[in-house]
Amino acid sequence: MSEARARRVGRVASDRADKTIIVEVESVRRHRLYGKPVRIRRKFMAHDPSNTCRIGDVVQIEESRPISRRKRWRLVEVLERTQLTAEERQAAFSAGETEEASAVASDGAEHAEQQ
């Protein structure tokens, strides 16, 4: 008897960790009271043993045994490669920083210029 494992298709949101990717899966459901379509986004940590994925790739992941504390999915295949350049990926990565950290850094630079 073959076991049917859940599969999801999503976009890689982060590839910072070694052998791990964070995949954002988006689905559209109707709001139960108002009936308006609502976009639902969920993030899954998936095992990428060869570190092949990059931010923006569309991938298929499959449910698996627990690999670590939060990692319960594994990469099946890369469906579509991103067209982002290395600089654009770096900009997307930098955009994930908190705005407070950016503001503090810029305030420190302005303070140094005044002295």
N, C-alpha and C. Protein backbone atom coordinates (compact mmCIF):
# COMPACT_ATOMS: atom_id res chain seq x y z
N MET A 1 0.85 -1.17 0.00
CA MET A 1 0.00 0.00 0.00
C MET A 1 0.89 1.24 0.00
N SER A 2 0.79 2.07 -1.02
CA SER A 2 1.63 3.25 -1.12
C SER A 2 1.03 4.39 -0.29
N GLU A 3 1.91 5.09 0.35
CA GLU A 3 1.49 6.20 1.20
C GLU A 3 1.46 7.48 0.38
N ALA A 4 0.35 8.20 0.43
CA ALA A 4 0.25 9.46 -0.30
C ALA A 4 0.73 10.59 0.60
N ARG A 5 1.80 11.24 0.19
CA ARG A 5 2.34 12.36 0.96
C ARG A 5 1.86 13.66 0.36
N ALA A 6 1.63 14.63 1.23
CA ALA A 6 1.16 15.94 0.78
C ALA A 6 2.26 16.63 -0.02
N ARG A 7 1.88 17.29 -1.08
CA ARG A 7 2.82 18.07 -1.90
C ARG A 7 2.28 19.48 -2.05
N ARG A 8 3.17 20.44 -2.08
CA ARG A 8 2.81 21.84 -2.24
C ARG A 8 3.74 22.48 -3.27
N VAL A 9 3.24 23.49 -3.95
CA VAL A 9 4.04 24.28 -4.88
C VAL A 9 4.09 25.69 -4.35
N GLY A 10 5.29 26.26 -4.27
CA GLY A 10 5.43 27.61 -3.74
C GLY A 10 6.70 28.28 -4.22
N ARG A 11 6.92 29.48 -3.74
CA ARG A 11 8.08 30.28 -4.13
C ARG A 11 9.06 30.35 -2.96
N VAL A 12 10.35 30.26 -3.26
CA VAL A 12 11.37 30.30 -2.23
C VAL A 12 11.46 31.73 -1.70
N ALA A 13 11.23 31.88 -0.39
CA ALA A 13 11.28 33.19 0.24
C ALA A 13 12.64 33.46 0.85
N SER A 14 13.37 32.41 1.25
CA SER A 14 14.68 32.58 1.86
C SER A 14 15.52 31.35 1.61
N ASP A 15 16.82 31.59 1.37
CA ASP A 15 17.77 30.48 1.21
C ASP A 15 19.01 30.72 2.06
N ARG A 16 18.86 31.47 3.13
CA ARG A 16 20.00 31.86 3.96
C ARG A 16 20.65 30.69 4.68
N ALA A 17 19.85 29.79 5.21
CA ALA A 17 20.38 28.69 6.01
C ALA A 17 21.00 27.62 5.12
N ASP A 18 21.94 26.87 5.68
CA ASP A 18 22.60 25.79 4.96
C ASP A 18 21.65 24.60 4.84
N LYS A 19 21.43 24.14 3.61
CA LYS A 19 20.58 22.98 3.31
C LYS A 19 19.12 23.18 3.71
N THR A 20 18.69 24.41 3.86
CA THR A 20 17.31 24.71 4.22
C THR A 20 16.79 25.87 3.39
N ILE A 21 15.56 25.75 2.93
CA ILE A 21 14.90 26.85 2.24
C ILE A 21 13.56 27.11 2.93
N ILE A 22 13.08 28.34 2.83
CA ILE A 22 11.76 28.66 3.34
C ILE A 22 10.89 28.92 2.12
N VAL A 23 9.83 28.11 1.99
CA VAL A 23 8.95 28.18 0.83
C VAL A 23 7.63 28.80 1.26
N GLU A 24 7.20 29.81 0.51
CA GLU A 24 5.94 30.48 0.78
C GLU A 24 4.89 29.94 -0.20
N VAL A 25 3.86 29.31 0.35
CA VAL A 25 2.79 28.72 -0.44
C VAL A 25 1.57 29.62 -0.31
N GLU A 26 1.01 30.00 -1.44
CA GLU A 26 -0.12 30.92 -1.44
C GLU A 26 -1.37 30.20 -1.96
N SER A 27 -2.48 30.41 -1.28
CA SER A 27 -3.75 29.85 -1.74
C SER A 27 -4.83 30.90 -1.58
N VAL A 28 -5.91 30.74 -2.32
CA VAL A 28 -7.02 31.68 -2.25
C VAL A 28 -8.24 30.91 -1.76
N ARG A 29 -8.86 31.42 -0.72
CA ARG A 29 -10.06 30.82 -0.16
C ARG A 29 -11.11 31.90 0.02
N ARG A 30 -12.34 31.49 0.12
CA ARG A 30 -13.42 32.44 0.36
C ARG A 30 -13.57 32.66 1.86
N HIS A 31 -13.78 33.90 2.23
CA HIS A 31 -14.04 34.22 3.63
C HIS A 31 -15.37 33.58 4.01
N ARG A 32 -15.41 32.92 5.15
CA ARG A 32 -16.61 32.13 5.48
C ARG A 32 -17.86 32.97 5.72
N LEU A 33 -17.70 34.21 6.19
CA LEU A 33 -18.86 35.04 6.45
C LEU A 33 -19.18 35.96 5.26
N TYR A 34 -18.16 36.64 4.74
CA TYR A 34 -18.39 37.65 3.72
C TYR A 34 -18.28 37.13 2.29
N GLY A 35 -17.68 35.97 2.11
CA GLY A 35 -17.59 35.39 0.78
C GLY A 35 -16.54 35.99 -0.12
N LYS A 36 -15.81 36.98 0.37
CA LYS A 36 -14.77 37.61 -0.42
C LYS A 36 -13.55 36.70 -0.51
N PRO A 37 -12.92 36.60 -1.69
CA PRO A 37 -11.71 35.78 -1.78
C PRO A 37 -10.59 36.37 -0.90
N VAL A 38 -9.97 35.53 -0.11
CA VAL A 38 -8.90 35.94 0.79
C VAL A 38 -7.64 35.17 0.44
N ARG A 39 -6.54 35.87 0.29
CA ARG A 39 -5.26 35.24 -0.02
C ARG A 39 -4.60 34.77 1.27
N ILE A 40 -4.25 33.51 1.34
CA ILE A 40 -3.62 32.94 2.53
C ILE A 40 -2.21 32.52 2.15
N ARG A 41 -1.25 32.97 2.94
CA ARG A 41 0.16 32.61 2.71
C ARG A 41 0.68 31.84 3.90
N ARG A 42 1.32 30.72 3.62
CA ARG A 42 1.93 29.91 4.68
C ARG A 42 3.38 29.67 4.32
N LYS A 43 4.22 29.61 5.32
CA LYS A 43 5.65 29.37 5.09
C LYS A 43 6.03 28.01 5.64
N PHE A 44 6.78 27.26 4.85
CA PHE A 44 7.25 25.95 5.23
C PHE A 44 8.77 25.91 5.12
N MET A 45 9.41 25.31 6.11
CA MET A 45 10.85 25.08 6.02
C MET A 45 11.05 23.74 5.34
N ALA A 46 11.89 23.70 4.31
CA ALA A 46 12.09 22.48 3.54
C ALA A 46 13.59 22.17 3.43
N HIS A 47 13.89 20.88 3.34
CA HIS A 47 15.27 20.40 3.24
C HIS A 47 15.73 20.46 1.79
N ASP A 48 16.84 21.15 1.55
CA ASP A 48 17.45 21.27 0.22
C ASP A 48 18.90 20.80 0.36
N PRO A 49 19.16 19.49 0.25
CA PRO A 49 20.47 18.95 0.58
C PRO A 49 21.62 19.48 -0.27
N SER A 50 21.36 19.88 -1.50
CA SER A 50 22.44 20.33 -2.37
C SER A 50 22.50 21.85 -2.52
N ASN A 51 21.69 22.58 -1.76
CA ASN A 51 21.66 24.05 -1.82
C ASN A 51 21.49 24.57 -3.24
N THR A 52 20.55 24.00 -4.00
CA THR A 52 20.36 24.39 -5.39
C THR A 52 19.40 25.56 -5.56
N CYS A 53 18.51 25.78 -4.61
CA CYS A 53 17.47 26.81 -4.75
C CYS A 53 17.97 28.20 -4.40
N ARG A 54 17.38 29.18 -5.05
CA ARG A 54 17.67 30.58 -4.78
C ARG A 54 16.35 31.30 -4.54
N ILE A 55 16.41 32.49 -3.96
CA ILE A 55 15.21 33.28 -3.69
C ILE A 55 14.48 33.54 -5.00
N GLY A 56 13.16 33.30 -4.99
CA GLY A 56 12.34 33.54 -6.16
C GLY A 56 12.05 32.31 -7.00
N ASP A 57 12.77 31.21 -6.80
CA ASP A 57 12.51 29.98 -7.55
C ASP A 57 11.14 29.42 -7.17
N VAL A 58 10.46 28.82 -8.14
CA VAL A 58 9.21 28.12 -7.87
C VAL A 58 9.56 26.65 -7.71
N VAL A 59 9.19 26.07 -6.57
CA VAL A 59 9.60 24.71 -6.24
C VAL A 59 8.40 23.87 -5.80
N GLN A 60 8.61 22.56 -5.85
CA GLN A 60 7.61 21.63 -5.32
C GLN A 60 8.24 20.94 -4.12
N ILE A 61 7.51 20.93 -2.99
CA ILE A 61 8.00 20.29 -1.78
C ILE A 61 7.05 19.17 -1.38
N GLU A 62 7.59 18.23 -0.60
CA GLU A 62 6.81 17.07 -0.19
C GLU A 62 6.98 16.85 1.30
N GLU A 63 5.91 16.43 1.93
CA GLU A 63 5.93 16.12 3.35
C GLU A 63 6.92 14.98 3.60
N SER A 64 7.63 15.05 4.74
CA SER A 64 8.59 13.99 5.05
C SER A 64 8.67 13.80 6.56
N ARG A 65 9.52 12.91 6.97
CA ARG A 65 9.74 12.69 8.39
C ARG A 65 10.37 13.95 8.98
N PRO A 66 10.32 14.14 10.28
CA PRO A 66 10.97 15.32 10.87
C PRO A 66 12.48 15.29 10.63
N ILE A 67 12.99 16.37 10.05
CA ILE A 67 14.42 16.47 9.76
C ILE A 67 15.10 17.30 10.84
N SER A 68 14.42 18.30 11.34
CA SER A 68 14.90 19.10 12.47
C SER A 68 13.68 19.60 13.22
N ARG A 69 13.89 20.53 14.13
CA ARG A 69 12.79 20.99 14.98
C ARG A 69 11.60 21.52 14.19
N ARG A 70 11.85 22.33 13.18
CA ARG A 70 10.76 22.94 12.41
C ARG A 70 10.71 22.47 10.96
N LYS A 71 11.63 21.63 10.55
CA LYS A 71 11.71 21.22 9.16
C LYS A 71 11.04 19.86 8.98
N ARG A 72 9.89 19.86 8.26
CA ARG A 72 9.11 18.64 8.05
C ARG A 72 8.82 18.40 6.57
N TRP A 73 9.47 19.14 5.70
CA TRP A 73 9.25 19.05 4.26
C TRP A 73 10.59 18.90 3.57
N ARG A 74 10.57 18.34 2.36
CA ARG A 74 11.80 18.22 1.57
C ARG A 74 11.54 18.67 0.15
N LEU A 75 12.58 19.14 -0.50
CA LEU A 75 12.49 19.62 -1.87
C LEU A 75 12.33 18.43 -2.81
N VAL A 76 11.35 18.50 -3.72
CA VAL A 76 11.17 17.45 -4.72
C VAL A 76 11.83 17.89 -6.02
N GLU A 77 11.46 19.08 -6.50
CA GLU A 77 12.06 19.58 -7.73
C GLU A 77 11.89 21.09 -7.85
N VAL A 78 12.76 21.68 -8.65
CA VAL A 78 12.66 23.10 -8.96
C VAL A 78 11.86 23.21 -10.25
N LEU A 79 10.71 23.83 -10.19
CA LEU A 79 9.83 23.92 -11.36
C LEU A 79 10.22 25.07 -12.28
N GLU A 80 10.66 26.19 -11.67
CA GLU A 80 10.99 27.37 -12.47
C GLU A 80 12.10 28.14 -11.77
N ARG A 81 13.14 28.44 -12.51
CA ARG A 81 14.24 29.23 -11.96
C ARG A 81 13.91 30.72 -12.04
N THR A 82 14.38 31.47 -11.06
CA THR A 82 14.14 32.91 -11.05
C THR A 82 15.05 33.59 -12.06
N GLN A 83 14.62 34.74 -12.54
CA GLN A 83 15.41 35.53 -13.47
C GLN A 83 16.13 36.67 -12.77
N LEU A 84 16.11 36.67 -11.43
CA LEU A 84 16.75 37.73 -10.67
C LEU A 84 18.26 37.62 -10.76
N THR A 85 18.91 38.77 -10.81
CA THR A 85 20.37 38.78 -10.79
C THR A 85 20.83 38.71 -9.34
N ALA A 86 22.12 38.55 -9.14
CA ALA A 86 22.67 38.47 -7.79
C ALA A 86 22.39 39.75 -7.01
N GLU A 87 22.48 40.92 -7.70
CA GLU A 87 22.23 42.19 -7.02
C GLU A 87 20.76 42.31 -6.60
N GLU A 88 19.85 41.86 -7.46
CA GLU A 88 18.43 41.93 -7.11
C GLU A 88 18.10 41.00 -5.95
N ARG A 89 18.73 39.81 -5.93
CA ARG A 89 18.52 38.89 -4.81
C ARG A 89 19.04 39.51 -3.52
N GLN A 90 20.20 40.19 -3.60
CA GLN A 90 20.76 40.84 -2.42
C GLN A 90 19.84 41.96 -1.94
N ALA A 91 19.24 42.69 -2.89
CA ALA A 91 18.31 43.77 -2.51
C ALA A 91 17.07 43.18 -1.84
N ALA A 92 16.58 42.06 -2.34
CA ALA A 92 15.42 41.42 -1.73
C ALA A 92 15.77 40.93 -0.33
N PHE A 93 16.99 40.43 -0.18
CA PHE A 93 17.45 39.96 1.13
C PHE A 93 17.56 41.15 2.08
N SER A 94 18.10 42.27 1.62
CA SER A 94 18.26 43.45 2.45
C SER A 94 16.91 44.05 2.83
N ALA A 95 15.93 43.93 1.96
CA ALA A 95 14.59 44.47 2.25
C ALA A 95 13.96 43.75 3.43
N GLY A 96 14.42 42.57 3.74
CA GLY A 96 13.88 41.82 4.86
C GLY A 96 14.34 42.34 6.20
N GLU A 97 15.36 43.22 6.22
CA GLU A 97 15.82 43.79 7.47
C GLU A 97 14.75 44.71 8.04
N THR A 98 14.78 44.89 9.33
CA THR A 98 13.80 45.78 9.94
C THR A 98 14.13 47.22 9.58
N GLU A 99 13.10 48.01 9.43
CA GLU A 99 13.30 49.41 9.08
C GLU A 99 13.97 50.15 10.22
N GLU A 100 13.77 49.67 11.43
CA GLU A 100 14.42 50.32 12.58
C GLU A 100 15.93 50.25 12.47
N ALA A 101 16.44 49.08 12.09
CA ALA A 101 17.88 48.91 11.98
C ALA A 101 18.44 49.85 10.92
N SER A 102 17.71 50.01 9.81
CA SER A 102 18.15 50.92 8.76
C SER A 102 18.12 52.36 9.25
N ALA A 103 17.06 52.72 9.96
CA ALA A 103 16.92 54.09 10.46
C ALA A 103 18.01 54.40 11.48
N VAL A 104 18.32 53.47 12.35
CA VAL A 104 19.36 53.68 13.35
C VAL A 104 20.70 53.86 12.67
N ALA A 105 20.97 53.07 11.64
CA ALA A 105 22.24 53.17 10.92
C ALA A 105 22.35 54.53 10.22
N SER A 106 21.26 54.98 9.60
CA SER A 106 21.31 56.26 8.90
C SER A 106 21.41 57.42 9.90
N ASP A 107 20.75 57.34 11.06
CA ASP A 107 20.87 58.38 12.07
C ASP A 107 22.29 58.47 12.60
N GLY A 108 22.92 57.33 12.75
CA GLY A 108 24.31 57.31 13.23
C GLY A 108 25.24 57.97 12.23
N ALA A 109 25.00 57.77 10.92
CA ALA A 109 25.82 58.38 9.88
C ALA A 109 25.61 59.89 9.88
N GLU A 110 24.37 60.35 10.04
CA GLU A 110 24.10 61.79 10.06
C GLU A 110 24.73 62.42 11.28
N HIS A 111 24.70 61.74 12.41
CA HIS A 111 25.29 62.25 13.64
C HIS A 111 26.79 62.38 13.50
N ALA A 112 27.42 61.44 12.81
CA ALA A 112 28.86 61.48 12.62
C ALA A 112 29.26 62.63 11.68
N GLU A 113 28.40 62.93 10.68
CA GLU A 113 28.69 64.02 9.76
C GLU A 113 28.61 65.38 10.45
N GLN A 114 27.71 65.53 11.42
CA GLN A 114 27.54 66.80 12.09
C GLN A 114 28.73 67.12 12.99
N GLN A 115 29.42 66.14 13.49
CA GLN A 115 30.55 66.39 14.40
C GLN A 115 31.79 66.61 13.66
